[in-house]
Amino acid sequence: MKRHFRGHYVVTADENGWSDSTNGDLLRLAEDAGFDLLISSDQNIAYQQNLAGRKIALIILNSNHWDEVQNGLAPISQAVSDAVEGSFAFIEVRPPLRKTSR
């Protein structure tokens, strides 16, 4: 997704050494590092974590499969633009339409 969000500083949890972090720790680590937004496909994070008082915005995708995420880049981009401190957005990305042969 990095190449689709030029003008934003984008890193993965893995690149920061956070891939083994629990959701609460990941939110705290990202906030402490100065990140404004976290995009995740972990749909439980919004239910497991209290977002009240958080400085970081959260966008949850229903999938982490690239063909589906790529198909949903427009609504993801809009959610990134609309994100404000402590906000939450759920984006349902769908698989691309498959051509059927007749």
PDB file of N, CA and C in Angstrom:
ATOM      1  N   MET A   1       0.811  -1.190   0.000  1.00  0.00           N
ATOM      2  CA  MET A   1       0.000   0.000   0.000  1.00  0.00           C
ATOM      3  C   MET A   1       0.860   1.262   0.000  1.00  0.00           C
ATOM      4  N   LYS A   2       2.127   1.107   0.337  1.00  0.00           N
ATOM      5  CA  LYS A   2       3.000   2.275   0.436  1.00  0.00           C
ATOM      6  C   LYS A   2       2.968   3.147  -0.814  1.00  0.00           C
ATOM      7  N   ARG A   3       3.060   2.539  -1.970  1.00  0.00           N
ATOM      8  CA  ARG A   3       3.136   3.330  -3.204  1.00  0.00           C
ATOM      9  C   ARG A   3       1.832   4.046  -3.526  1.00  0.00           C
ATOM     10  N   HIS A   4       0.747   3.650  -2.895  1.00  0.00           N
ATOM     11  CA  HIS A   4      -0.544   4.274  -3.147  1.00  0.00           C
ATOM     12  C   HIS A   4      -0.828   5.442  -2.202  1.00  0.00           C
ATOM     13  N   PHE A   5       0.029   5.619  -1.213  1.00  0.00           N
ATOM     14  CA  PHE A   5      -0.171   6.703  -0.249  1.00  0.00           C
ATOM     15  C   PHE A   5       1.049   7.615  -0.207  1.00  0.00           C
ATOM     16  N   ARG A   6       1.472   8.027  -1.383  1.00  0.00           N
ATOM     17  CA  ARG A   6       2.584   8.977  -1.458  1.00  0.00           C
ATOM     18  C   ARG A   6       2.175  10.253  -0.739  1.00  0.00           C
ATOM     19  N   GLY A   7       3.117  10.872  -0.110  1.00  0.00           N
ATOM     20  CA  GLY A   7       2.814  12.070   0.661  1.00  0.00           C
ATOM     21  C   GLY A   7       2.535  11.739   2.118  1.00  0.00           C
ATOM     22  N   HIS A   8       2.448  10.445   2.423  1.00  0.00           N
ATOM     23  CA  HIS A   8       2.274   9.986   3.802  1.00  0.00           C
ATOM     24  C   HIS A   8       3.481   9.139   4.166  1.00  0.00           C
ATOM     25  N   TYR A   9       3.849   9.167   5.426  1.00  0.00           N
ATOM     26  CA  TYR A   9       4.910   8.295   5.908  1.00  0.00           C
ATOM     27  C   TYR A   9       4.252   6.977   6.284  1.00  0.00           C
ATOM     28  N   VAL A  10       4.559   5.920   5.544  1.00  0.00           N
ATOM     29  CA  VAL A  10       3.917   4.614   5.728  1.00  0.00           C
ATOM     30  C   VAL A  10       4.971   3.578   6.076  1.00  0.00           C
ATOM     31  N   VAL A  11       4.756   2.890   7.184  1.00  0.00           N
ATOM     32  CA  VAL A  11       5.605   1.772   7.574  1.00  0.00           C
ATOM     33  C   VAL A  11       4.709   0.651   8.082  1.00  0.00           C
ATOM     34  N   THR A  12       5.231  -0.558   8.034  1.00  0.00           N
ATOM     35  CA  THR A  12       4.478  -1.696   8.546  1.00  0.00           C
ATOM     36  C   THR A  12       4.892  -1.970   9.985  1.00  0.00           C
ATOM     37  N   ALA A  13       4.040  -2.682  10.683  1.00  0.00           N
ATOM     38  CA  ALA A  13       4.371  -3.088  12.048  1.00  0.00           C
ATOM     39  C   ALA A  13       5.641  -3.933  12.032  1.00  0.00           C
ATOM     40  N   ASP A  14       5.773  -4.769  11.031  1.00  0.00           N
ATOM     41  CA  ASP A  14       6.954  -5.624  10.911  1.00  0.00           C
ATOM     42  C   ASP A  14       8.222  -4.800  10.742  1.00  0.00           C
ATOM     43  N   GLU A  15       8.159  -3.759   9.923  1.00  0.00           N
ATOM     44  CA  GLU A  15       9.341  -2.907   9.710  1.00  0.00           C
ATOM     45  C   GLU A  15       9.779  -2.221  10.999  1.00  0.00           C
ATOM     46  N   ASN A  16       8.839  -1.964  11.884  1.00  0.00           N
ATOM     47  CA  ASN A  16       9.173  -1.325  13.158  1.00  0.00           C
ATOM     48  C   ASN A  16       9.460  -2.337  14.264  1.00  0.00           C
ATOM     49  N   GLY A  17       9.416  -3.626  13.940  1.00  0.00           N
ATOM     50  CA  GLY A  17       9.663  -4.663  14.937  1.00  0.00           C
ATOM     51  C   GLY A  17       8.475  -4.881  15.866  1.00  0.00           C
ATOM     52  N   TRP A  18       7.286  -4.522  15.420  1.00  0.00           N
ATOM     53  CA  TRP A  18       6.085  -4.606  16.252  1.00  0.00           C
ATOM     54  C   TRP A  18       5.166  -5.751  15.863  1.00  0.00           C
ATOM     55  N   SER A  19       5.580  -6.631  14.973  1.00  0.00           N
ATOM     56  CA  SER A  19       4.675  -7.646  14.434  1.00  0.00           C
ATOM     57  C   SER A  19       4.161  -8.619  15.487  1.00  0.00           C
ATOM     58  N   ASP A  20       4.868  -8.791  16.568  1.00  0.00           N
ATOM     59  CA  ASP A  20       4.419  -9.702  17.629  1.00  0.00           C
ATOM     60  C   ASP A  20       3.648  -8.977  18.733  1.00  0.00           C
ATOM     61  N   SER A  21       3.384  -7.698  18.559  1.00  0.00           N
ATOM     62  CA  SER A  21       2.704  -6.906  19.589  1.00  0.00           C
ATOM     63  C   SER A  21       1.213  -7.201  19.611  1.00  0.00           C
ATOM     64  N   THR A  22       0.645  -7.183  20.812  1.00  0.00           N
ATOM     65  CA  THR A  22      -0.799  -7.316  20.937  1.00  0.00           C
ATOM     66  C   THR A  22      -1.444  -6.015  20.478  1.00  0.00           C
ATOM     67  N   ASN A  23      -2.750  -6.050  20.242  1.00  0.00           N
ATOM     68  CA  ASN A  23      -3.438  -4.867  19.721  1.00  0.00           C
ATOM     69  C   ASN A  23      -3.252  -3.640  20.604  1.00  0.00           C
ATOM     70  N   GLY A  24      -3.438  -3.781  21.905  1.00  0.00           N
ATOM     71  CA  GLY A  24      -3.280  -2.653  22.813  1.00  0.00           C
ATOM     72  C   GLY A  24      -1.873  -2.096  22.783  1.00  0.00           C
ATOM     73  N   ASP A  25      -0.892  -2.996  22.783  1.00  0.00           N
ATOM     74  CA  ASP A  25       0.505  -2.566  22.711  1.00  0.00           C
ATOM     75  C   ASP A  25       0.801  -1.903  21.374  1.00  0.00           C
ATOM     76  N   LEU A  26       0.246  -2.442  20.302  1.00  0.00           N
ATOM     77  CA  LEU A  26       0.489  -1.876  18.981  1.00  0.00           C
ATOM     78  C   LEU A  26      -0.054  -0.454  18.889  1.00  0.00           C
ATOM     79  N   LEU A  27      -1.252  -0.235  19.392  1.00  0.00           N
ATOM     80  CA  LEU A  27      -1.810   1.122  19.399  1.00  0.00           C
ATOM     81  C   LEU A  27      -0.942   2.069  20.219  1.00  0.00           C
ATOM     82  N   ARG A  28      -0.511   1.623  21.392  1.00  0.00           N
ATOM     83  CA  ARG A  28       0.331   2.451  22.248  1.00  0.00           C
ATOM     84  C   ARG A  28       1.675   2.747  21.593  1.00  0.00           C
ATOM     85  N   LEU A  29       2.307   1.717  21.018  1.00  0.00           N
ATOM     86  CA  LEU A  29       3.596   1.905  20.348  1.00  0.00           C
ATOM     87  C   LEU A  29       3.478   2.896  19.192  1.00  0.00           C
ATOM     88  N   ALA A  30       2.420   2.751  18.401  1.00  0.00           N
ATOM     89  CA  ALA A  30       2.225   3.648  17.257  1.00  0.00           C
ATOM     90  C   ALA A  30       1.983   5.081  17.728  1.00  0.00           C
ATOM     91  N   GLU A  31       1.160   5.235  18.757  1.00  0.00           N
ATOM     92  CA  GLU A  31       0.916   6.581  19.301  1.00  0.00           C
ATOM     93  C   GLU A  31       2.194   7.182  19.860  1.00  0.00           C
ATOM     94  N   ASP A  32       2.926   6.392  20.637  1.00  0.00           N
ATOM     95  CA  ASP A  32       4.168   6.884  21.252  1.00  0.00           C
ATOM     96  C   ASP A  32       5.206   7.265  20.195  1.00  0.00           C
ATOM     97  N   ALA A  33       5.161   6.582  19.035  1.00  0.00           N
ATOM     98  CA  ALA A  33       6.103   6.890  17.955  1.00  0.00           C
ATOM     99  C   ALA A  33       5.633   8.075  17.117  1.00  0.00           C
ATOM    100  N   GLY A  34       4.451   8.613  17.434  1.00  0.00           N
ATOM    101  CA  GLY A  34       3.968   9.804  16.743  1.00  0.00           C
ATOM    102  C   GLY A  34       3.104   9.539  15.522  1.00  0.00           C
ATOM    103  N   PHE A  35       2.680   8.297  15.336  1.00  0.00           N
ATOM    104  CA  PHE A  35       1.819   8.006  14.194  1.00  0.00           C
ATOM    105  C   PHE A  35       0.419   8.549  14.439  1.00  0.00           C
ATOM    106  N   ASP A  36      -0.209   9.027  13.367  1.00  0.00           N
ATOM    107  CA  ASP A  36      -1.558   9.583  13.432  1.00  0.00           C
ATOM    108  C   ASP A  36      -2.622   8.544  13.122  1.00  0.00           C
ATOM    109  N   LEU A  37      -2.242   7.467  12.431  1.00  0.00           N
ATOM    110  CA  LEU A  37      -3.218   6.531  11.885  1.00  0.00           C
ATOM    111  C   LEU A  37      -2.657   5.127  11.864  1.00  0.00           C
ATOM    112  N   LEU A  38      -3.509   4.169  12.180  1.00  0.00           N
ATOM    113  CA  LEU A  38      -3.158   2.757  12.078  1.00  0.00           C
ATOM    114  C   LEU A  38      -4.193   2.098  11.190  1.00  0.00           C
ATOM    115  N   ILE A  39      -3.725   1.380  10.163  1.00  0.00           N
ATOM    116  CA  ILE A  39      -4.607   0.588   9.305  1.00  0.00           C
ATOM    117  C   ILE A  39      -4.325  -0.870   9.618  1.00  0.00           C
ATOM    118  N   SER A  40      -5.390  -1.619   9.886  1.00  0.00           N
ATOM    119  CA  SER A  40      -5.257  -3.022  10.264  1.00  0.00           C
ATOM    120  C   SER A  40      -6.387  -3.824   9.634  1.00  0.00           C
ATOM    121  N   SER A  41      -6.161  -5.104   9.502  1.00  0.00           N
ATOM    122  CA  SER A  41      -7.241  -5.993   9.076  1.00  0.00           C
ATOM    123  C   SER A  41      -7.743  -6.823  10.256  1.00  0.00           C
ATOM    124  N   ASP A  42      -7.245  -6.548  11.446  1.00  0.00           N
ATOM    125  CA  ASP A  42      -7.710  -7.239  12.645  1.00  0.00           C
ATOM    126  C   ASP A  42      -9.037  -6.624  13.083  1.00  0.00           C
ATOM    127  N   GLN A  43     -10.123  -7.285  12.722  1.00  0.00           N
ATOM    128  CA  GLN A  43     -11.447  -6.736  12.974  1.00  0.00           C
ATOM    129  C   GLN A  43     -11.822  -6.726  14.451  1.00  0.00           C
ATOM    130  N   ASN A  44     -11.082  -7.426  15.286  1.00  0.00           N
ATOM    131  CA  ASN A  44     -11.377  -7.451  16.718  1.00  0.00           C
ATOM    132  C   ASN A  44     -10.794  -6.262  17.468  1.00  0.00           C
ATOM    133  N   ILE A  45      -9.838  -5.572  16.879  1.00  0.00           N
ATOM    134  CA  ILE A  45      -9.129  -4.511  17.592  1.00  0.00           C
ATOM    135  C   ILE A  45     -10.081  -3.419  18.091  1.00  0.00           C
ATOM    136  N   ALA A  46     -11.072  -3.067  17.291  1.00  0.00           N
ATOM    137  CA  ALA A  46     -12.002  -2.005  17.689  1.00  0.00           C
ATOM    138  C   ALA A  46     -12.878  -2.431  18.858  1.00  0.00           C
ATOM    139  N   TYR A  47     -13.112  -3.738  18.977  1.00  0.00           N
ATOM    140  CA  TYR A  47     -13.954  -4.242  20.064  1.00  0.00           C
ATOM    141  C   TYR A  47     -13.139  -4.528  21.318  1.00  0.00           C
ATOM    142  N   GLN A  48     -11.863  -4.822  21.133  1.00  0.00           N
ATOM    143  CA  GLN A  48     -10.994  -5.167  22.256  1.00  0.00           C
ATOM    144  C   GLN A  48     -10.361  -3.950  22.906  1.00  0.00           C
ATOM    145  N   GLN A  49     -10.304  -2.843  22.175  1.00  0.00           N
ATOM    146  CA  GLN A  49      -9.605  -1.670  22.674  1.00  0.00           C
ATOM    147  C   GLN A  49     -10.559  -0.488  22.800  1.00  0.00           C
ATOM    148  N   ASN A  50     -10.414   0.246  23.871  1.00  0.00           N
ATOM    149  CA  ASN A  50     -11.187   1.469  24.050  1.00  0.00           C
ATOM    150  C   ASN A  50     -10.453   2.583  23.305  1.00  0.00           C
ATOM    151  N   LEU A  51     -11.111   3.138  22.305  1.00  0.00           N
ATOM    152  CA  LEU A  51     -10.472   4.175  21.500  1.00  0.00           C
ATOM    153  C   LEU A  51     -10.683   5.571  22.065  1.00  0.00           C
ATOM    154  N   ALA A  52     -11.511   5.677  23.092  1.00  0.00           N
ATOM    155  CA  ALA A  52     -11.761   6.985  23.714  1.00  0.00           C
ATOM    156  C   ALA A  52     -10.451   7.533  24.284  1.00  0.00           C
ATOM    157  N   GLY A  53     -10.169   8.768  23.970  1.00  0.00           N
ATOM    158  CA  GLY A  53      -8.959   9.410  24.482  1.00  0.00           C
ATOM    159  C   GLY A  53      -7.705   9.091  23.685  1.00  0.00           C
ATOM    160  N   ARG A  54      -7.820   8.252  22.666  1.00  0.00           N
ATOM    161  CA  ARG A  54      -6.656   7.932  21.835  1.00  0.00           C
ATOM    162  C   ARG A  54      -6.366   9.084  20.882  1.00  0.00           C
ATOM    163  N   LYS A  55      -5.106   9.296  20.610  1.00  0.00           N
ATOM    164  CA  LYS A  55      -4.707  10.316  19.643  1.00  0.00           C
ATOM    165  C   LYS A  55      -4.668   9.735  18.238  1.00  0.00           C
ATOM    166  N   ILE A  56      -4.530   8.443  18.151  1.00  0.00           N
ATOM    167  CA  ILE A  56      -4.372   7.788  16.859  1.00  0.00           C
ATOM    168  C   ILE A  56      -5.739   7.443  16.269  1.00  0.00           C
ATOM    169  N   ALA A  57      -5.864   7.601  14.967  1.00  0.00           N
ATOM    170  CA  ALA A  57      -7.067   7.180  14.254  1.00  0.00           C
ATOM    171  C   ALA A  57      -6.881   5.726  13.824  1.00  0.00           C
ATOM    172  N   LEU A  58      -7.978   5.032  13.619  1.00  0.00           N
ATOM    173  CA  LEU A  58      -7.930   3.614  13.294  1.00  0.00           C
ATOM    174  C   LEU A  58      -8.821   3.333  12.093  1.00  0.00           C
ATOM    175  N   ILE A  59      -8.244   2.650  11.108  1.00  0.00           N
ATOM    176  CA  ILE A  59      -9.008   2.169   9.961  1.00  0.00           C
ATOM    177  C   ILE A  59      -8.869   0.660   9.934  1.00  0.00           C
ATOM    178  N   ILE A  60     -10.006  -0.027   9.915  1.00  0.00           N
ATOM    179  CA  ILE A  60     -10.011  -1.483   9.880  1.00  0.00           C
ATOM    180  C   ILE A  60     -10.524  -1.932   8.518  1.00  0.00           C
ATOM    181  N   LEU A  61      -9.794  -2.845   7.911  1.00  0.00           N
ATOM    182  CA  LEU A  61     -10.199  -3.451   6.646  1.00  0.00           C
ATOM    183  C   LEU A  61     -10.709  -4.855   6.929  1.00  0.00           C
ATOM    184  N   ASN A  62     -11.680  -5.315   6.167  1.00  0.00           N
ATOM    185  CA  ASN A  62     -12.207  -6.648   6.399  1.00  0.00           C
ATOM    186  C   ASN A  62     -11.333  -7.743   5.779  1.00  0.00           C
ATOM    187  N   SER A  63     -10.280  -7.350   5.096  1.00  0.00           N
ATOM    188  CA  SER A  63      -9.399  -8.329   4.454  1.00  0.00           C
ATOM    189  C   SER A  63      -7.991  -7.768   4.362  1.00  0.00           C
ATOM    190  N   ASN A  64      -7.017  -8.670   4.322  1.00  0.00           N
ATOM    191  CA  ASN A  64      -5.642  -8.245   4.063  1.00  0.00           C
ATOM    192  C   ASN A  64      -5.119  -8.850   2.763  1.00  0.00           C
ATOM    193  N   HIS A  65      -6.011  -9.409   1.948  1.00  0.00           N
ATOM    194  CA  HIS A  65      -5.625  -9.964   0.648  1.00  0.00           C
ATOM    195  C   HIS A  65      -5.459  -8.817  -0.345  1.00  0.00           C
ATOM    196  N   TRP A  66      -4.285  -8.754  -0.968  1.00  0.00           N
ATOM    197  CA  TRP A  66      -3.957  -7.598  -1.786  1.00  0.00           C
ATOM    198  C   TRP A  66      -4.953  -7.365  -2.912  1.00  0.00           C
ATOM    199  N   ASP A  67      -5.448  -8.422  -3.571  1.00  0.00           N
ATOM    200  CA  ASP A  67      -6.382  -8.191  -4.682  1.00  0.00           C
ATOM    201  C   ASP A  67      -7.652  -7.513  -4.187  1.00  0.00           C
ATOM    202  N   GLU A  68      -8.067  -7.799  -2.966  1.00  0.00           N
ATOM    203  CA  GLU A  68      -9.241  -7.153  -2.388  1.00  0.00           C
ATOM    204  C   GLU A  68      -8.911  -5.741  -1.898  1.00  0.00           C
ATOM    205  N   VAL A  69      -7.786  -5.595  -1.224  1.00  0.00           N
ATOM    206  CA  VAL A  69      -7.366  -4.276  -0.724  1.00  0.00           C
ATOM    207  C   VAL A  69      -7.166  -3.325  -1.900  1.00  0.00           C
ATOM    208  N   GLN A  70      -6.513  -3.788  -2.941  1.00  0.00           N
ATOM    209  CA  GLN A  70      -6.265  -2.960  -4.118  1.00  0.00           C
ATOM    210  C   GLN A  70      -7.584  -2.521  -4.744  1.00  0.00           C
ATOM    211  N   ASN A  71      -8.585  -3.384  -4.714  1.00  0.00           N
ATOM    212  CA  ASN A  71      -9.901  -3.069  -5.257  1.00  0.00           C
ATOM    213  C   ASN A  71     -10.604  -1.998  -4.417  1.00  0.00           C
ATOM    214  N   GLY A  72     -10.181  -1.834  -3.161  1.00  0.00           N
ATOM    215  CA  GLY A  72     -10.806  -0.866  -2.268  1.00  0.00           C
ATOM    216  C   GLY A  72      -9.964   0.357  -1.967  1.00  0.00           C
ATOM    217  N   LEU A  73      -8.983   0.652  -2.799  1.00  0.00           N
ATOM    218  CA  LEU A  73      -8.085   1.773  -2.509  1.00  0.00           C
ATOM    219  C   LEU A  73      -8.797   3.118  -2.453  1.00  0.00           C
ATOM    220  N   ALA A  74      -9.826   3.316  -3.265  1.00  0.00           N
ATOM    221  CA  ALA A  74     -10.530   4.611  -3.245  1.00  0.00           C
ATOM    222  C   ALA A  74     -11.193   4.863  -1.887  1.00  0.00           C
ATOM    223  N   PRO A  75     -11.990   3.929  -1.345  1.00  0.00           N
ATOM    224  CA  PRO A  75     -12.579   4.203  -0.028  1.00  0.00           C
ATOM    225  C   PRO A  75     -11.541   4.229   1.091  1.00  0.00           C
ATOM    226  N   ILE A  76     -10.467   3.473   0.949  1.00  0.00           N
ATOM    227  CA  ILE A  76      -9.408   3.507   1.962  1.00  0.00           C
ATOM    228  C   ILE A  76      -8.752   4.887   1.943  1.00  0.00           C
ATOM    229  N   SER A  77      -8.448   5.375   0.750  1.00  0.00           N
ATOM    230  CA  SER A  77      -7.845   6.700   0.608  1.00  0.00           C
ATOM    231  C   SER A  77      -8.757   7.778   1.189  1.00  0.00           C
ATOM    232  N   GLN A  78     -10.065   7.666   0.950  1.00  0.00           N
ATOM    233  CA  GLN A  78     -11.011   8.639   1.498  1.00  0.00           C
ATOM    234  C   GLN A  78     -11.013   8.574   3.022  1.00  0.00           C
ATOM    235  N   ALA A  79     -10.971   7.363   3.578  1.00  0.00           N
ATOM    236  CA  ALA A  79     -10.947   7.207   5.035  1.00  0.00           C
ATOM    237  C   ALA A  79      -9.665   7.788   5.625  1.00  0.00           C
ATOM    238  N   VAL A  80      -8.548   7.640   4.918  1.00  0.00           N
ATOM    239  CA  VAL A  80      -7.288   8.232   5.375  1.00  0.00           C
ATOM    240  C   VAL A  80      -7.427   9.755   5.397  1.00  0.00           C
ATOM    241  N   SER A  81      -7.999  10.318   4.346  1.00  0.00           N
ATOM    242  CA  SER A  81      -8.187  11.772   4.276  1.00  0.00           C
ATOM    243  C   SER A  81      -9.126  12.281   5.366  1.00  0.00           C
ATOM    244  N   ASP A  82     -10.142  11.500   5.687  1.00  0.00           N
ATOM    245  CA  ASP A  82     -11.153  11.905   6.671  1.00  0.00           C
ATOM    246  C   ASP A  82     -10.734  11.646   8.122  1.00  0.00           C
ATOM    247  N   ALA A  83      -9.688  10.873   8.327  1.00  0.00           N
ATOM    248  CA  ALA A  83      -9.294  10.467   9.677  1.00  0.00           C
ATOM    249  C   ALA A  83      -8.906  11.672  10.529  1.00  0.00           C
ATOM    250  N   VAL A  84      -9.399  11.673  11.757  1.00  0.00           N
ATOM    251  CA  VAL A  84      -9.025  12.674  12.748  1.00  0.00           C
ATOM    252  C   VAL A  84      -8.676  11.941  14.033  1.00  0.00           C
ATOM    253  N   GLU A  85      -8.055  12.642  14.912  1.00  0.00           N
ATOM    254  CA  GLU A  85      -7.614  12.071  16.185  1.00  0.00           C
ATOM    255  C   GLU A  85      -8.727  11.259  16.842  1.00  0.00           C
ATOM    256  N   GLY A  86      -8.436   9.990  17.127  1.00  0.00           N
ATOM    257  CA  GLY A  86      -9.373   9.121  17.825  1.00  0.00           C
ATOM    258  C   GLY A  86     -10.508   8.570  16.986  1.00  0.00           C
ATOM    259  N   SER A  87     -10.496   8.811  15.664  1.00  0.00           N
ATOM    260  CA  SER A  87     -11.601   8.335  14.834  1.00  0.00           C
ATOM    261  C   SER A  87     -11.424   6.867  14.466  1.00  0.00           C
ATOM    262  N   PHE A  88     -12.523   6.266  14.027  1.00  0.00           N
ATOM    263  CA  PHE A  88     -12.549   4.863  13.635  1.00  0.00           C
ATOM    264  C   PHE A  88     -13.358   4.727  12.348  1.00  0.00           C
ATOM    265  N   ALA A  89     -12.841   3.956  11.413  1.00  0.00           N
ATOM    266  CA  ALA A  89     -13.572   3.670  10.180  1.00  0.00           C
ATOM    267  C   ALA A  89     -13.392   2.198   9.840  1.00  0.00           C
ATOM    268  N   PHE A  90     -14.460   1.576   9.373  1.00  0.00           N
ATOM    269  CA  PHE A  90     -14.405   0.199   8.892  1.00  0.00           C
ATOM    270  C   PHE A  90     -14.629   0.237   7.389  1.00  0.00           C
ATOM    271  N   ILE A  91     -13.710  -0.360   6.647  1.00  0.00           N
ATOM    272  CA  ILE A  91     -13.806  -0.394   5.193  1.00  0.00           C
ATOM    273  C   ILE A  91     -13.951  -1.845   4.759  1.00  0.00           C
ATOM    274  N   GLU A  92     -15.044  -2.117   4.069  1.00  0.00           N
ATOM    275  CA  GLU A  92     -15.257  -3.458   3.535  1.00  0.00           C
ATOM    276  C   GLU A  92     -14.758  -3.476   2.097  1.00  0.00           C
ATOM    277  N   VAL A  93     -13.656  -4.170   1.891  1.00  0.00           N
ATOM    278  CA  VAL A  93     -13.113  -4.321   0.546  1.00  0.00           C
ATOM    279  C   VAL A  93     -13.639  -5.644  -0.017  1.00  0.00           C
ATOM    280  N   ARG A  94     -13.804  -5.669  -1.298  1.00  0.00           N
ATOM    281  CA  ARG A  94     -14.376  -6.850  -1.949  1.00  0.00           C
ATOM    282  C   ARG A  94     -13.416  -7.379  -3.010  1.00  0.00           C
ATOM    283  N   PRO A  95     -13.531  -8.670  -3.268  1.00  0.00           N
ATOM    284  CA  PRO A  95     -12.687  -9.221  -4.338  1.00  0.00           C
ATOM    285  C   PRO A  95     -13.058  -8.601  -5.685  1.00  0.00           C
ATOM    286  N   PRO A  96     -12.101  -8.496  -6.584  1.00  0.00           N
ATOM    287  CA  PRO A  96     -12.417  -7.987  -7.912  1.00  0.00           C
ATOM    288  C   PRO A  96     -13.390  -8.931  -8.613  1.00  0.00           C
ATOM    289  N   LEU A  97     -14.190  -8.377  -9.492  1.00  0.00           N
ATOM    290  CA  LEU A  97     -15.110  -9.210 -10.259  1.00  0.00           C
ATOM    291  C   LEU A  97     -14.316 -10.146 -11.157  1.00  0.00           C
ATOM    292  N   ARG A  98     -14.737 -11.367 -11.184  1.00  0.00           N
ATOM    293  CA  ARG A  98     -14.060 -12.374 -12.033  1.00  0.00           C
ATOM    294  C   ARG A  98     -14.876 -12.540 -13.310  1.00  0.00           C
ATOM    295  N   LYS A  99     -14.165 -12.589 -14.400  1.00  0.00           N
ATOM    296  CA  LYS A  99     -14.842 -12.836 -15.682  1.00  0.00           C
ATOM    297  C   LYS A  99     -15.205 -14.313 -15.754  1.00  0.00           C
ATOM    298  N   THR A 100     -16.396 -14.562 -16.183  1.00  0.00           N
ATOM    299  CA  THR A 100     -16.820 -15.945 -16.345  1.00  0.00           C
ATOM    300  C   THR A 100     -16.810 -16.285 -17.833  1.00  0.00           C
ATOM    301  N   SER A 101     -16.450 -17.494 -18.126  1.00  0.00           N
ATOM    302  CA  SER A 101     -16.444 -17.918 -19.513  1.00  0.00           C
ATOM    303  C   SER A 101     -17.767 -18.604 -19.829  1.00  0.00           C
ATOM    304  N   ARG A 102     -18.221 -18.399 -21.038  1.00  0.00           N
ATOM    305  CA  ARG A 102     -19.486 -19.012 -21.461  1.00  0.00           C
ATOM    306  C   ARG A 102     -19.255 -19.941 -22.603  1.00  0.00           C
TER     307      ARG A 102
END
